[in-house]
């Protein structure tokens, strides 16, 4: 994994993008020596989103299985609570 200061990344943005896109590297962007962002290949992003989706599905299934979450909320109340 490559680490680059934010000013360097800004000045050489196309190089950073090419390194990630074609070299399949990950680039950590730092500000004052601390990591603040990352540039990652699209495949890594797809995998991250897939993992997030699976975690969300698992959390939703657990919530639906919990008897405390079985109560229904009238549609009019939902709209009123959301200011619709």
C-alpha atoms as a PDB file:
ATOM      1  CA  UNK A   1       0.000   0.000   0.000  1.00  0.00           C
ATOM      2  CA  UNK A   2       1.324   3.399  -0.989  1.00  0.00           C
ATOM      3  CA  UNK A   3       1.086   6.418   1.329  1.00  0.00           C
ATOM      4  CA  UNK A   4       1.013   9.913  -0.153  1.00  0.00           C
ATOM      5  CA  UNK A   5       0.640  13.351   1.396  1.00  0.00           C
ATOM      6  CA  UNK A   6      -2.537  15.158   0.307  1.00  0.00           C
ATOM      7  CA  UNK A   7      -0.630  17.944  -1.447  1.00  0.00           C
ATOM      8  CA  UNK A   8       1.409  15.403  -3.406  1.00  0.00           C
ATOM      9  CA  UNK A   9      -1.752  13.491  -4.323  1.00  0.00           C
ATOM     10  CA  UNK A  10      -3.406  16.703  -5.502  1.00  0.00           C
ATOM     11  CA  UNK A  11      -0.414  17.684  -7.620  1.00  0.00           C
ATOM     12  CA  UNK A  12      -0.055  14.199  -9.122  1.00  0.00           C
ATOM     13  CA  UNK A  13      -3.698  13.114  -9.113  1.00  0.00           C
ATOM     14  CA  UNK A  14      -3.569  11.421 -12.526  1.00  0.00           C
ATOM     15  CA  UNK A  15      -0.534   9.416 -11.383  1.00  0.00           C
ATOM     16  CA  UNK A  16      -2.379   8.321  -8.244  1.00  0.00           C
ATOM     17  CA  UNK A  17      -5.429   7.282 -10.268  1.00  0.00           C
ATOM     18  CA  UNK A  18      -3.293   5.393 -12.795  1.00  0.00           C
ATOM     19  CA  UNK A  19      -1.392   3.609 -10.039  1.00  0.00           C
ATOM     20  CA  UNK A  20      -4.693   2.435  -8.571  1.00  0.00           C
ATOM     21  CA  UNK A  21      -6.514   1.709 -11.834  1.00  0.00           C
ATOM     22  CA  UNK A  22      -3.737  -0.072 -13.673  1.00  0.00           C
ATOM     23  CA  UNK A  23      -1.395  -1.210 -10.925  1.00  0.00           C
ATOM     24  CA  UNK A  24      -4.155  -2.394  -8.584  1.00  0.00           C
ATOM     25  CA  UNK A  25      -2.397  -0.558  -5.751  1.00  0.00           C
ATOM     26  CA  UNK A  26      -4.216   1.104  -2.896  1.00  0.00           C
ATOM     27  CA  UNK A  27      -3.178   4.630  -2.056  1.00  0.00           C
ATOM     28  CA  UNK A  28      -3.608   6.090   1.416  1.00  0.00           C
ATOM     29  CA  UNK A  29      -3.781   9.877   1.402  1.00  0.00           C
ATOM     30  CA  UNK A  30      -2.364  11.501   4.505  1.00  0.00           C
ATOM     31  CA  UNK A  31      -2.595  14.952   5.983  1.00  0.00           C
ATOM     32  CA  UNK A  32       0.152  15.842   8.458  1.00  0.00           C
ATOM     33  CA  UNK A  33       1.174  12.187   8.580  1.00  0.00           C
ATOM     34  CA  UNK A  34      -2.307  10.895   9.467  1.00  0.00           C
ATOM     35  CA  UNK A  35      -4.428   8.855   7.033  1.00  0.00           C
ATOM     36  CA  UNK A  36      -7.531  10.768   5.925  1.00  0.00           C
ATOM     37  CA  UNK A  37      -8.680   9.024   2.736  1.00  0.00           C
ATOM     38  CA  UNK A  38      -7.935   6.171   0.383  1.00  0.00           C
ATOM     39  CA  UNK A  39      -8.045   5.632  -3.355  1.00  0.00           C
ATOM     40  CA  UNK A  40      -8.826   2.016  -4.119  1.00  0.00           C
ATOM     41  CA  UNK A  41      -9.461  -0.083  -7.230  1.00  0.00           C
ATOM     42  CA  UNK A  42     -13.093  -0.424  -8.341  1.00  0.00           C
ATOM     43  CA  UNK A  43     -13.022  -4.154  -7.576  1.00  0.00           C
ATOM     44  CA  UNK A  44     -12.132  -3.365  -3.958  1.00  0.00           C
ATOM     45  CA  UNK A  45     -15.032  -0.913  -3.780  1.00  0.00           C
ATOM     46  CA  UNK A  46     -17.429  -3.507  -5.207  1.00  0.00           C
ATOM     47  CA  UNK A  47     -16.289  -6.032  -2.593  1.00  0.00           C
ATOM     48  CA  UNK A  48     -16.664  -3.465   0.189  1.00  0.00           C
ATOM     49  CA  UNK A  49     -20.190  -2.602  -0.952  1.00  0.00           C
ATOM     50  CA  UNK A  50     -21.093  -6.297  -1.170  1.00  0.00           C
ATOM     51  CA  UNK A  51     -19.842  -6.817   2.374  1.00  0.00           C
ATOM     52  CA  UNK A  52     -21.813  -3.795   3.603  1.00  0.00           C
ATOM     53  CA  UNK A  53     -24.947  -5.119   1.877  1.00  0.00           C
ATOM     54  CA  UNK A  54     -24.531  -8.516   3.548  1.00  0.00           C
ATOM     55  CA  UNK A  55     -24.063  -6.902   6.952  1.00  0.00           C
ATOM     56  CA  UNK A  56     -27.177  -4.760   6.378  1.00  0.00           C
ATOM     57  CA  UNK A  57     -29.200  -7.828   5.374  1.00  0.00           C
ATOM     58  CA  UNK A  58     -28.013  -9.708   8.455  1.00  0.00           C
ATOM     59  CA  UNK A  59     -28.949  -6.777  10.707  1.00  0.00           C
ATOM     60  CA  UNK A  60     -32.381  -6.497   9.045  1.00  0.00           C
ATOM     61  CA  UNK A  61     -33.037 -10.217   9.503  1.00  0.00           C
ATOM     62  CA  UNK A  62     -32.112  -9.992  13.186  1.00  0.00           C
ATOM     63  CA  UNK A  63     -34.370  -6.973  13.615  1.00  0.00           C
ATOM     64  CA  UNK A  64     -37.272  -8.722  11.882  1.00  0.00           C
ATOM     65  CA  UNK A  65     -36.790 -11.830  14.019  1.00  0.00           C
ATOM     66  CA  UNK A  66     -36.982  -9.801  17.245  1.00  0.00           C
ATOM     67  CA  UNK A  67     -40.565  -9.897  18.600  1.00  0.00           C
ATOM     68  CA  UNK A  68     -40.203  -6.312  19.892  1.00  0.00           C
ATOM     69  CA  UNK A  69     -39.999  -5.143  16.284  1.00  0.00           C
ATOM     70  CA  UNK A  70     -43.261  -6.772  15.245  1.00  0.00           C
ATOM     71  CA  UNK A  71     -45.515  -3.877  16.202  1.00  0.00           C
ATOM     72  CA  UNK A  72     -47.007  -1.936  13.363  1.00  0.00           C
ATOM     73  CA  UNK A  73     -46.930   1.834  13.002  1.00  0.00           C
ATOM     74  CA  UNK A  74     -49.865   3.456  11.204  1.00  0.00           C
ATOM     75  CA  UNK A  75     -48.926   5.083   7.904  1.00  0.00           C
ATOM     76  CA  UNK A  76     -50.437   8.406   8.975  1.00  0.00           C
ATOM     77  CA  UNK A  77     -48.144   8.478  12.025  1.00  0.00           C
ATOM     78  CA  UNK A  78     -45.084   7.704   9.900  1.00  0.00           C
ATOM     79  CA  UNK A  79     -45.972  10.552   7.526  1.00  0.00           C
ATOM     80  CA  UNK A  80     -46.596  12.927  10.420  1.00  0.00           C
ATOM     81  CA  UNK A  81     -43.311  11.988  12.113  1.00  0.00           C
ATOM     82  CA  UNK A  82     -41.447  12.644   8.862  1.00  0.00           C
ATOM     83  CA  UNK A  83     -43.317  15.877   8.183  1.00  0.00           C
ATOM     84  CA  UNK A  84     -44.889  14.594   4.979  1.00  0.00           C
END
